[in-house]
Protein backbone atom coordinates (compact mmCIF):
# COMPACT_ATOMS: atom_id res chain seq x y z
CA MET A 1 0.04 0.17 -0.12
CA ARG A 2 3.00 2.54 0.79
CA LYS A 3 4.00 1.81 -3.04
CA LEU A 4 0.88 3.04 -4.21
CA ILE A 5 0.41 5.78 -2.30
CA ASN A 6 4.30 6.91 -3.05
CA ASN A 7 2.83 6.51 -6.86
CA LEU A 8 0.19 8.39 -6.62
CA GLU A 9 1.07 11.21 -4.46
CA GLY A 10 -0.42 14.84 -5.91
CA ASN A 11 -3.16 13.10 -7.71
CA PRO A 12 -6.32 14.00 -5.88
CA ILE A 13 -8.47 11.32 -7.23
CA LYS A 14 -6.22 8.79 -6.67
CA LYS A 15 -6.05 9.91 -2.99
CA LYS A 16 -9.64 9.64 -2.81
CA GLU A 17 -9.14 5.74 -4.17
CA ILE A 18 -6.71 5.02 -1.91
CA GLU A 19 -9.25 6.84 0.97
CA ILE A 20 -11.79 4.29 -0.14
CA LEU A 21 -9.48 1.46 -0.02
CA THR A 22 -8.13 2.10 3.56
CA ARG A 23 -11.77 2.42 4.79
CA ILE A 24 -12.86 -1.23 3.02
CA LYS A 25 -9.77 -2.90 4.53
CA LYS A 26 -10.43 -1.24 8.12
CA LEU A 27 -14.12 -2.19 7.91
CA ARG A 28 -12.86 -5.89 6.52
CA SER A 29 -11.00 -5.95 9.53
CA GLU A 30 -13.78 -4.60 12.29
CA LYS A 31 -16.08 -7.37 11.05
CA GLY A 32 -13.31 -9.94 11.73
CA LEU A 33 -13.48 -10.95 7.93
CA SER A 34 -10.25 -12.47 5.98
CA GLN A 35 -9.68 -11.29 2.84
CA TYR A 36 -10.71 -14.72 1.36
CA HIS A 37 -14.11 -14.69 3.33
CA LEU A 38 -14.94 -10.99 1.92
CA GLY A 39 -13.86 -12.04 -1.83
CA LYS A 40 -15.90 -15.14 -1.61
CA ARG A 41 -18.96 -13.25 -0.30
CA ILE A 42 -18.63 -10.77 -3.02
CA GLY A 43 -17.79 -13.29 -5.95
CA ILE A 44 -14.24 -12.75 -6.31
CA SER A 45 -10.86 -15.00 -5.28
CA GLN A 46 -8.69 -14.33 -2.58
CA ASN A 47 -6.39 -13.22 -4.76
CA ALA A 48 -8.46 -10.76 -6.76
CA TYR A 49 -10.04 -9.24 -3.49
CA TYR A 50 -6.06 -8.70 -2.60
CA LYS A 51 -5.34 -6.96 -5.72
CA VAL A 52 -8.49 -4.75 -5.14
CA GLU A 53 -7.56 -3.70 -1.52
CA ASN A 54 -4.22 -2.83 -2.37
CA GLY A 55 -5.02 -0.81 -5.12
CA LEU A 56 -4.27 -2.98 -8.25
CA THR A 57 -7.87 -3.47 -9.28
CA ARG A 58 -10.76 -1.41 -9.25
CA LEU A 59 -13.94 -2.29 -7.98
CA ASP A 60 -16.91 -1.87 -10.04
CA LEU A 61 -20.36 -0.36 -8.57
CA GLN A 62 -21.93 -3.83 -8.11
CA ARG A 63 -19.48 -4.63 -5.63
CA LEU A 64 -19.18 -1.87 -3.89
CA ILE A 65 -22.78 -1.80 -3.31
CA GLN A 66 -22.40 -5.58 -2.06
CA LEU A 67 -19.50 -4.14 0.49
CA SER A 68 -21.78 -1.82 1.80
CA PHE A 69 -24.54 -4.13 2.57
CA ILE A 70 -21.92 -6.39 4.11
CA PHE A 71 -20.47 -3.84 6.28
CA GLU A 72 -24.12 -2.74 7.23
CA ILE A 73 -23.51 0.91 5.81
CA GLU A 74 -24.72 3.30 3.38
CA LEU A 75 -23.08 3.20 -0.30
CA SER A 76 -22.30 7.21 0.35
CA LYS A 77 -20.31 6.47 3.59
CA LEU A 78 -18.79 4.01 2.23
CA VAL A 79 -17.00 5.87 -0.88
CA CYS A 80 -17.12 9.43 0.94
């Protein structure tokens, strides 16, 4: 994650993406879910979920909606 942050420094859109990924990782941890289990719940592999959480792959809107249901928060609170 640190390498990603260093590469994106100064780009406000990318900074927002990092904030969202950090929030998702924190919520996953708070719910006690592993990357494997959360990936399985949204229909992707653990490896694919790892790539999402580390900024190598982006989540589409459908997956973000699924995450908001899993975390029991509004979508806007997940991404804003």
